[in-house]
Amino acid sequence: MHSPYFSNLLEAIRSRLESLNRSERKVAEVILKDPQSATRASIATLAQAAGVSEPTVNRFCRSFSAKGFPDFKLQLAQSLASGTPYVGQNVESEDGPEEYVNKIFAATVQALEHTRQRLDPTMINKAVDYLIQAKQIMFFGLGASGPVAYDAQHKFFRFNIPVSAYDDVLMMRMVSSAAHRGDTIVIISYTGRTRELVEIAQIARETGATVLGITTPDSPLAKHCTLSLPVSPDENTDIYMPMSSRIVHLAMLDVLSTGVILRRGVDFHAHLKKIKDSLKDTRYPSED
C-alpha cells in the first residue's frame, strides 16, 4: 500500500508529482485530471492518453506499491469512494461559470476534508489548553489571513479573555516584544514562509509568550511555534485566487473556539446567551 501518511492514493500521487520522472509524471497527470475515467481505462488506453508505453504505466503502479495495473485501479477506486474525488482541478482561463463554480466549491470541500483527516485531537486539546489559560490572546494575520485574524477576535472576545487582532507587521513586532509569559499569540499563515511572521514568532517566544501557528506543517513558521496546527490545502494562487485556505483557517478557529466553550462548561452558557440577546433589539422580527 501507499504510505500511511496519506489518507488515499490520489493524495499520495499528488504529493509525489514533482519527484516522478518525466514519463511517470505524464501518467500521474492523466490520472489526476480525471481519476474516475482512469478506474475504467485499460492499461493500453491509459498509456496512449499519457503518451507512454504500457511497461511505464506498470512501473508507475508498482512505485505506489500496487501489484499491477488492476490492483492500482482498485486502490484508486477506493480513494474515490473515501470522499475526496477532487484533486488538482485548478481554475483555467478558458473555464466558464459552470466549471469555475464547481472547481472552487470542490476545492474548498476537499481542503476541509484534507485538513480534518490530519487533525490530531491531542494537539487540538493542547491548543485549547493554551487558549483557555491565556492572560490575553493576540491573533496575527497578513494579507488574506488578516480578515481571518479579525474573525477570530470576533469569536474569542466572548470568552472574558482580553483579545486583539493585528494585520500590520510593525504592530505585530511591537506587540510581540511587549508580550509576557502567559500571553498567547496565534499566527495564521497559509504558506508559513513569510519572513516577517517567522521573525515575529521568534520575538514572541523570546519574551516567554506561547505561540500557536495555524499554518503549513514543517514550514519555517511552524518550526518556531510552541505548537502548530497543520493546515495545508493544495491550491493554485498564482493567478486565480479562490483561497480555500482561508475557509480552512476559519473552520480551524471555529474548532478552537468551540473547544474553549466546551471547556468552560454549561455555567458559561448564560454569559454567551447574554451577548446574543443584546442583538435582539437591532433586528426586525422574523416573519415566520
Protein backbone atom coordinates (compact mmCIF):
# COMPACT_ATOMS: atom_id res chain seq x y z
CA MET A 1 0.00 0.00 0.00
CA HIS A 2 0.99 3.65 -0.35
CA SER A 3 2.45 5.48 2.64
CA PRO A 4 0.12 5.53 5.68
CA TYR A 5 0.77 9.26 5.99
CA PHE A 6 -1.63 9.76 3.11
CA SER A 7 -5.32 9.10 3.51
CA ASN A 8 -5.68 7.78 -0.05
CA LEU A 9 -3.87 7.01 -3.26
CA LEU A 10 -4.86 10.21 -5.04
CA GLU A 11 -3.24 12.25 -2.33
CA ALA A 12 -0.07 10.17 -2.49
CA ILE A 13 0.18 10.68 -6.26
CA ARG A 14 -0.36 14.41 -5.89
CA SER A 15 2.33 14.71 -3.23
CA ARG A 16 4.94 12.87 -5.33
CA LEU A 17 4.18 14.57 -8.63
CA GLU A 18 7.33 16.72 -8.64
CA SER A 19 9.62 13.79 -7.81
CA LEU A 20 8.42 11.47 -10.59
CA ASN A 21 10.42 11.07 -13.79
CA ARG A 22 9.07 12.66 -16.95
CA SER A 23 7.21 9.58 -18.25
CA GLU A 24 5.68 8.64 -14.91
CA ARG A 25 4.61 12.22 -14.33
CA LYS A 26 2.65 12.06 -17.60
CA VAL A 27 0.79 9.03 -16.25
CA ALA A 28 0.13 10.81 -12.95
CA GLU A 29 -1.21 13.92 -14.67
CA VAL A 30 -3.67 11.89 -16.77
CA ILE A 31 -4.92 10.11 -13.64
CA LEU A 32 -5.23 13.29 -11.59
CA LYS A 33 -7.05 15.09 -14.38
CA ASP A 34 -9.85 12.50 -14.46
CA PRO A 35 -9.44 9.76 -11.82
CA GLN A 36 -12.91 8.36 -12.49
CA SER A 37 -12.03 7.61 -16.11
CA ALA A 38 -8.71 6.09 -15.01
CA THR A 39 -10.55 3.49 -12.92
CA ARG A 40 -12.37 2.32 -16.06
CA ALA A 41 -9.49 2.54 -18.53
CA SER A 42 -7.44 -0.33 -19.86
CA ILE A 43 -3.69 -0.14 -19.47
CA ALA A 44 -3.40 0.43 -23.23
CA THR A 45 -5.89 3.33 -23.12
CA LEU A 46 -4.12 5.00 -20.19
CA ALA A 47 -0.71 4.55 -21.80
CA GLN A 48 -1.98 6.11 -25.03
CA ALA A 49 -3.55 9.05 -23.20
CA ALA A 50 -0.28 9.71 -21.37
CA GLY A 51 1.87 9.18 -24.45
CA VAL A 52 3.94 6.46 -22.76
CA SER A 53 4.42 2.71 -23.03
CA GLU A 54 2.42 0.10 -21.14
CA PRO A 55 5.53 -1.00 -19.15
CA THR A 56 5.86 2.60 -17.97
CA VAL A 57 2.31 2.51 -16.64
CA ASN A 58 3.08 -0.74 -14.84
CA ARG A 59 6.25 0.73 -13.30
CA PHE A 60 4.23 3.73 -12.17
CA CYS A 61 1.66 1.48 -10.49
CA ARG A 62 4.32 -0.59 -8.71
CA SER A 63 6.00 2.59 -7.44
CA PHE A 64 2.84 3.12 -5.39
CA SER A 65 3.06 -0.43 -4.00
CA ALA A 66 0.37 -1.83 -6.27
CA LYS A 67 0.84 -5.38 -7.58
CA GLY A 68 -0.02 -4.23 -11.07
CA PHE A 69 -2.46 -2.08 -13.03
CA PRO A 70 -5.65 -3.92 -11.90
CA ASP A 71 -4.62 -3.61 -8.24
CA PHE A 72 -3.75 0.05 -8.78
CA LYS A 73 -7.22 0.72 -10.25
CA LEU A 74 -8.81 -0.95 -7.23
CA GLN A 75 -6.87 1.30 -4.85
CA LEU A 76 -7.79 4.30 -6.97
CA ALA A 77 -11.49 3.40 -6.81
CA GLN A 78 -11.22 3.06 -3.04
CA SER A 79 -9.67 6.54 -2.88
CA LEU A 80 -12.58 7.99 -4.83
CA ALA A 81 -15.02 6.23 -2.53
CA SER A 82 -13.33 7.79 0.51
CA GLY A 83 -14.91 11.13 -0.29
CA THR A 84 -12.04 13.10 -1.79
CA PRO A 85 -12.53 12.91 -5.58
CA TYR A 86 -11.26 16.44 -6.18
CA VAL A 87 -7.57 16.61 -6.98
CA GLY A 88 -5.67 19.29 -8.81
CA GLN A 89 -8.52 20.90 -10.75
CA ASN A 90 -7.22 24.48 -10.82
CA VAL A 91 -9.24 27.25 -12.44
CA GLU A 92 -8.15 27.77 -16.04
CA SER A 93 -8.50 30.87 -18.23
CA GLU A 94 -10.99 29.16 -20.56
CA ASP A 95 -13.31 27.96 -17.78
CA GLY A 96 -16.92 29.12 -17.90
CA PRO A 97 -19.19 29.71 -14.87
CA GLU A 98 -20.13 26.05 -14.51
CA GLU A 99 -16.50 24.93 -14.49
CA TYR A 100 -15.06 27.52 -12.12
CA VAL A 101 -18.03 27.35 -9.72
CA ASN A 102 -17.71 23.57 -9.46
CA LYS A 103 -13.91 23.71 -9.13
CA ILE A 104 -13.91 26.34 -6.39
CA PHE A 105 -16.56 24.58 -4.31
CA ALA A 106 -14.93 21.19 -4.87
CA ALA A 107 -11.53 22.61 -3.88
CA THR A 108 -12.96 24.05 -0.68
CA VAL A 109 -14.72 20.82 0.30
CA GLN A 110 -11.60 18.80 -0.46
CA ALA A 111 -9.38 21.19 1.50
CA LEU A 112 -11.65 20.98 4.54
CA GLU A 113 -11.74 17.17 4.42
CA HIS A 114 -7.98 17.01 3.81
CA THR A 115 -7.36 19.07 6.95
CA ARG A 116 -9.92 17.21 9.05
CA GLN A 117 -8.24 13.89 8.32
CA ARG A 118 -4.93 15.25 9.58
CA LEU A 119 -6.05 16.88 12.78
CA ASP A 120 -4.72 15.25 15.91
CA PRO A 121 -7.30 15.59 18.73
CA THR A 122 -4.44 15.63 21.24
CA MET A 123 -2.93 18.67 19.54
CA ILE A 124 -6.30 20.41 19.40
CA ASN A 125 -6.80 19.74 23.11
CA LYS A 126 -3.35 21.15 23.87
CA ALA A 127 -4.08 24.29 21.82
CA VAL A 128 -7.33 24.77 23.75
CA ASP A 129 -5.32 24.42 26.98
CA TYR A 130 -3.07 27.30 25.92
CA LEU A 131 -6.03 29.46 24.89
CA ILE A 132 -8.15 28.93 27.98
CA GLN A 133 -5.20 29.58 30.29
CA ALA A 134 -4.03 32.69 28.44
CA LYS A 135 -3.90 36.05 30.20
CA GLN A 136 -4.56 37.61 26.79
CA ILE A 137 -4.76 36.33 23.21
CA MET A 138 -3.48 38.12 20.11
CA PHE A 139 -4.28 36.96 16.58
CA PHE A 140 -1.85 37.85 13.78
CA GLY A 141 -2.51 37.56 10.03
CA LEU A 142 -1.13 39.24 6.90
CA GLY A 143 -2.81 39.62 3.51
CA ALA A 144 -5.75 37.24 3.12
CA SER A 145 -5.09 35.97 6.66
CA GLY A 146 -5.75 39.42 8.12
CA PRO A 147 -9.56 39.16 7.95
CA VAL A 148 -9.27 35.67 9.45
CA ALA A 149 -7.44 37.15 12.45
CA TYR A 150 -10.22 39.72 12.92
CA ASP A 151 -12.84 36.99 12.65
CA ALA A 152 -11.01 35.17 15.46
CA GLN A 153 -11.14 38.32 17.56
CA HIS A 154 -14.89 38.47 16.91
CA LYS A 155 -15.27 34.89 18.17
CA PHE A 156 -12.95 34.98 21.16
CA PHE A 157 -13.92 38.31 22.75
CA ARG A 158 -16.96 36.50 24.19
CA PHE A 159 -14.80 34.36 26.49
CA ASN A 160 -13.88 37.00 29.08
CA ILE A 161 -10.27 36.87 27.92
CA PRO A 162 -8.62 40.07 26.62
CA VAL A 163 -8.27 39.55 22.86
CA SER A 164 -6.96 41.60 19.94
CA ALA A 165 -6.13 41.14 16.26
CA TYR A 166 -3.43 42.69 14.07
CA ASP A 167 -2.70 42.72 10.35
CA ASP A 168 0.21 45.19 10.39
CA VAL A 169 3.79 43.88 10.64
CA LEU A 170 5.13 46.77 12.71
CA MET A 171 2.31 46.46 15.24
CA MET A 172 2.89 42.70 15.42
CA ARG A 173 6.57 43.21 16.17
CA MET A 174 5.85 45.74 18.92
CA VAL A 175 3.08 43.65 20.46
CA SER A 176 5.30 40.55 20.39
CA SER A 177 8.21 42.34 22.03
CA ALA A 178 5.87 43.56 24.80
CA ALA A 179 4.30 40.13 25.41
CA HIS A 180 4.79 38.22 28.65
CA ARG A 181 4.73 34.67 29.89
CA GLY A 182 1.07 33.60 29.96
CA ASP A 183 0.18 35.53 26.80
CA THR A 184 -0.80 33.53 23.71
CA ILE A 185 -0.16 34.72 20.17
CA VAL A 186 -1.90 32.89 17.31
CA ILE A 187 -0.20 33.37 13.93
CA ILE A 188 -2.26 32.49 10.86
CA SER A 189 -0.35 31.91 7.62
CA TYR A 190 -1.12 29.79 4.54
CA THR A 191 2.50 29.30 3.44
CA GLY A 192 4.31 29.62 6.76
CA ARG A 193 7.21 31.09 4.77
CA THR A 194 6.65 34.83 5.28
CA ARG A 195 9.93 36.07 6.72
CA GLU A 196 8.38 38.77 8.93
CA LEU A 197 6.00 36.30 10.60
CA VAL A 198 8.81 33.88 11.37
CA GLU A 199 10.80 36.71 12.97
CA ILE A 200 7.73 37.80 14.96
CA ALA A 201 7.29 34.23 16.25
CA GLN A 202 10.91 34.24 17.38
CA ILE A 203 10.47 37.59 19.16
CA ALA A 204 7.34 36.37 20.94
CA ARG A 205 8.99 33.13 22.06
CA GLU A 206 11.92 35.10 23.50
CA THR A 207 9.52 37.05 25.73
CA GLY A 208 8.11 33.79 27.10
CA ALA A 209 4.79 34.03 25.26
CA THR A 210 3.10 30.96 23.81
CA VAL A 211 2.94 30.99 20.00
CA LEU A 212 0.31 28.91 18.23
CA GLY A 213 0.64 28.52 14.48
CA ILE A 214 -2.18 27.75 12.07
CA THR A 215 -0.05 27.06 9.04
CA THR A 216 1.59 24.56 6.71
CA PRO A 217 3.29 21.71 8.60
CA ASP A 218 7.11 21.71 8.68
CA SER A 219 7.20 25.29 7.36
CA PRO A 220 9.71 27.81 8.82
CA LEU A 221 6.90 29.36 10.85
CA ALA A 222 5.70 26.00 12.19
CA LYS A 223 9.21 25.22 13.41
CA HIS A 224 9.30 28.40 15.52
CA CYS A 225 5.89 27.96 17.18
CA THR A 226 5.22 26.48 20.59
CA LEU A 227 2.53 24.41 18.89
CA SER A 228 1.49 24.31 15.24
CA LEU A 229 -1.81 23.06 13.86
CA PRO A 230 -1.31 21.75 10.31
CA VAL A 231 -3.30 23.41 7.54
CA SER A 232 -2.01 22.82 4.02
CA PRO A 233 -4.70 22.97 1.32
CA ASP A 234 -3.20 22.49 -2.12
CA GLU A 235 -4.30 25.40 -4.27
CA ASN A 236 -3.10 27.47 -7.19
CA THR A 237 -2.77 31.07 -6.01
CA ASP A 238 -0.51 32.32 -8.81
CA ILE A 239 -3.27 33.89 -10.93
CA TYR A 240 -6.74 32.87 -9.76
CA MET A 241 -7.21 33.08 -6.02
CA PRO A 242 -10.17 31.12 -4.63
CA MET A 243 -8.09 30.76 -1.44
CA SER A 244 -9.70 27.70 0.09
CA SER A 245 -7.00 28.02 2.75
CA ARG A 246 -8.88 30.99 4.18
CA ILE A 247 -12.00 28.84 4.63
CA VAL A 248 -9.96 26.10 6.29
CA HIS A 249 -8.39 28.64 8.67
CA LEU A 250 -11.86 29.91 9.63
CA ALA A 251 -13.00 26.34 10.28
CA MET A 252 -9.92 25.71 12.43
CA LEU A 253 -10.73 28.77 14.53
CA ASP A 254 -14.32 27.52 14.91
CA VAL A 255 -12.86 24.25 16.22
CA LEU A 256 -10.68 26.07 18.75
CA SER A 257 -13.41 28.45 19.91
CA THR A 258 -15.82 25.54 20.33
CA GLY A 259 -13.19 23.74 22.36
CA VAL A 260 -12.89 26.75 24.65
CA ILE A 261 -16.68 26.95 25.10
CA LEU A 262 -16.96 23.25 25.94
CA ARG A 263 -14.06 23.51 28.38
CA ARG A 264 -15.79 26.39 30.17
CA GLY A 265 -18.82 24.19 30.84
CA VAL A 266 -22.56 24.79 30.87
CA ASP A 267 -22.31 27.53 33.52
CA PHE A 268 -20.67 29.73 30.89
CA HIS A 269 -23.64 29.43 28.51
CA ALA A 270 -25.58 32.14 30.35
CA HIS A 271 -22.80 34.61 29.56
CA LEU A 272 -22.88 33.70 25.85
CA LYS A 273 -26.67 33.97 25.79
CA LYS A 274 -26.48 37.46 27.32
CA ILE A 275 -24.23 38.61 24.46
CA LYS A 276 -26.51 37.02 21.86
CA ASP A 277 -29.63 38.54 23.42
CA SER A 278 -28.08 42.01 23.23
CA LEU A 279 -28.61 41.89 19.45
CA LYS A 280 -32.34 41.20 19.54
CA ASP A 281 -33.37 44.86 19.51
CA THR A 282 -31.20 45.53 16.44
CA ARG A 283 -33.21 43.19 14.18
CA TYR A 284 -36.63 43.24 12.61
CA PRO A 285 -38.83 40.46 13.95
CA SER A 286 -38.99 37.26 11.92
CA GLU A 287 -42.00 36.89 9.61
CA ASP A 288 -42.32 33.20 10.47
